[in-house]
Amino acid sequence: MKWRLTGRYLVSVVLIVVIVIFMNIVVVTGLYLNQFAFPHFSFQSKQNNPDLITRSFGKEVILSDSGMTITAEGKELLDRNQAWIQVLDENGQEVYGYHVPRMQGPNIRRWIWFRPTSI
């Protein structure tokens, strides 16, 4: 009697594991094929990927003796993505900003800036 109950339990556990693995394979395959069928609904669109936009934005920054600014294309890119840029010096003072949100009111969240330290 005990072996029959143990056997049924093991069969049900193995069956559940097989079903879960099969469902995961179906979902992953469906998502992979969906990227080819609908490329404009991709999860990592090249033009809207925040990581790629941030990494490539360095070419839009112009440094000079009088200060810094960003190009017109950079401002257009920030406007199009509803983004902003803020450059701070070593003391945390703003050197340059474009569309920087201004904190107002009594419920201001405190921004904590961590300086990188050497290991």
Foldseek 3Di string as FASTA:
>chain_A
DVVVVVVVVVVVVVVVVVVVVVVVVVVVVVLVVVCVVCVVPHPQDCLLHPVNCVVPQVVQWDQDPVAIDGHPVSLVSCVVNVHKDFDADPVRHTRDIDPDDDDDDDPGDDDDDDDDDDD
